[in-house]
Amino acid sequence: MKKIALATAISLSASTAFAGSPEPATTPIVEVVEQGSSSSSSGALLPILAIVLIGAAIAASN
């Protein structure tokens, strides 16, 4: 029992002794570059396509 307690005490003291480092941690700098769209009508394509599909569905049901 004494060996287990001694091993636990040594492992806990060793982990706290080596927990930090003398150098400050450096984080990589990430640059986010947003590219512009290639077409001015790219935002309108999906609603127009939806309207065409809904119109085709209504025309087919009649």
C-alpha atoms as a PDB file:
ATOM      1  CA  MET A   1       0.000   0.000   0.000  1.00  0.00           C
ATOM      2  CA  LYS A   2       2.898   2.320   0.795  1.00  0.00           C
ATOM      3  CA  LYS A   3       4.432   1.652  -2.623  1.00  0.00           C
ATOM      4  CA  ILE A   4       1.203   2.610  -4.379  1.00  0.00           C
ATOM      5  CA  ALA A   5       0.922   5.819  -2.345  1.00  0.00           C
ATOM      6  CA  LEU A   6       4.573   6.658  -3.013  1.00  0.00           C
ATOM      7  CA  ALA A   7       4.199   5.983  -6.746  1.00  0.00           C
ATOM      8  CA  THR A   8       1.076   8.154  -6.869  1.00  0.00           C
ATOM      9  CA  ALA A   9       2.814  10.997  -5.018  1.00  0.00           C
ATOM     10  CA  ILE A  10       5.823  10.843  -7.321  1.00  0.00           C
ATOM     11  CA  SER A  11       3.748  10.734 -10.478  1.00  0.00           C
ATOM     12  CA  LEU A  12       1.621  13.695  -9.373  1.00  0.00           C
ATOM     13  CA  SER A  13       4.640  15.791  -8.446  1.00  0.00           C
ATOM     14  CA  ALA A  14       6.418  14.892 -11.683  1.00  0.00           C
ATOM     15  CA  SER A  15       3.430  15.831 -13.835  1.00  0.00           C
ATOM     16  CA  THR A  16       3.160  19.263 -12.213  1.00  0.00           C
ATOM     17  CA  ALA A  17       6.896  19.844 -12.477  1.00  0.00           C
ATOM     18  CA  PHE A  18       6.897  19.331 -16.239  1.00  0.00           C
ATOM     19  CA  ALA A  19       3.506  20.870 -16.960  1.00  0.00           C
ATOM     20  CA  GLY A  20       4.745  24.257 -18.146  1.00  0.00           C
ATOM     21  CA  SER A  21       7.502  25.326 -20.470  1.00  0.00           C
ATOM     22  CA  PRO A  22       9.798  28.342 -20.275  1.00  0.00           C
ATOM     23  CA  GLU A  23       8.843  29.421 -23.797  1.00  0.00           C
ATOM     24  CA  PRO A  24       5.492  31.047 -24.504  1.00  0.00           C
ATOM     25  CA  ALA A  25       3.279  29.008 -26.777  1.00  0.00           C
ATOM     26  CA  THR A  26       2.961  30.382 -30.281  1.00  0.00           C
ATOM     27  CA  THR A  27      -0.190  29.968 -32.302  1.00  0.00           C
ATOM     28  CA  PRO A  28      -0.119  29.957 -36.088  1.00  0.00           C
ATOM     29  CA  ILE A  29      -1.657  32.963 -37.815  1.00  0.00           C
ATOM     30  CA  VAL A  30      -4.412  32.004 -40.232  1.00  0.00           C
ATOM     31  CA  GLU A  31      -5.398  34.492 -42.910  1.00  0.00           C
ATOM     32  CA  VAL A  32      -8.908  34.224 -44.317  1.00  0.00           C
ATOM     33  CA  VAL A  33      -9.289  35.586 -47.830  1.00  0.00           C
ATOM     34  CA  GLU A  34     -12.770  35.830 -49.277  1.00  0.00           C
ATOM     35  CA  GLN A  35     -12.867  35.682 -53.035  1.00  0.00           C
ATOM     36  CA  GLY A  36     -15.449  37.620 -54.930  1.00  0.00           C
ATOM     37  CA  SER A  37     -18.051  35.882 -57.031  1.00  0.00           C
ATOM     38  CA  SER A  38     -17.335  35.483 -60.724  1.00  0.00           C
ATOM     39  CA  SER A  39     -20.846  36.413 -61.841  1.00  0.00           C
ATOM     40  CA  SER A  40     -23.254  39.051 -60.619  1.00  0.00           C
ATOM     41  CA  SER A  41     -26.298  36.834 -61.123  1.00  0.00           C
ATOM     42  CA  SER A  42     -25.033  33.875 -59.087  1.00  0.00           C
ATOM     43  CA  GLY A  43     -27.243  34.817 -56.130  1.00  0.00           C
ATOM     44  CA  ALA A  44     -30.375  34.944 -58.287  1.00  0.00           C
ATOM     45  CA  LEU A  45     -29.888  31.576 -59.974  1.00  0.00           C
ATOM     46  CA  LEU A  46     -31.406  29.425 -57.232  1.00  0.00           C
ATOM     47  CA  PRO A  47     -34.647  31.441 -56.767  1.00  0.00           C
ATOM     48  CA  ILE A  48     -35.205  31.600 -60.532  1.00  0.00           C
ATOM     49  CA  LEU A  49     -34.666  27.860 -60.835  1.00  0.00           C
ATOM     50  CA  ALA A  50     -37.125  27.259 -57.974  1.00  0.00           C
ATOM     51  CA  ILE A  51     -39.776  29.431 -59.637  1.00  0.00           C
ATOM     52  CA  VAL A  52     -39.332  27.577 -62.943  1.00  0.00           C
ATOM     53  CA  LEU A  53     -39.645  24.183 -61.242  1.00  0.00           C
ATOM     54  CA  ILE A  54     -42.744  25.219 -59.291  1.00  0.00           C
ATOM     55  CA  GLY A  55     -44.297  26.608 -62.491  1.00  0.00           C
ATOM     56  CA  ALA A  56     -43.562  23.376 -64.330  1.00  0.00           C
ATOM     57  CA  ALA A  57     -45.121  21.347 -61.524  1.00  0.00           C
ATOM     58  CA  ILE A  58     -48.279  23.493 -61.579  1.00  0.00           C
ATOM     59  CA  ALA A  59     -48.517  23.271 -65.379  1.00  0.00           C
ATOM     60  CA  ALA A  60     -48.095  19.496 -65.315  1.00  0.00           C
ATOM     61  CA  SER A  61     -50.833  19.011 -62.698  1.00  0.00           C
ATOM     62  CA  ASN A  62     -53.503  20.738 -64.829  1.00  0.00           C
END
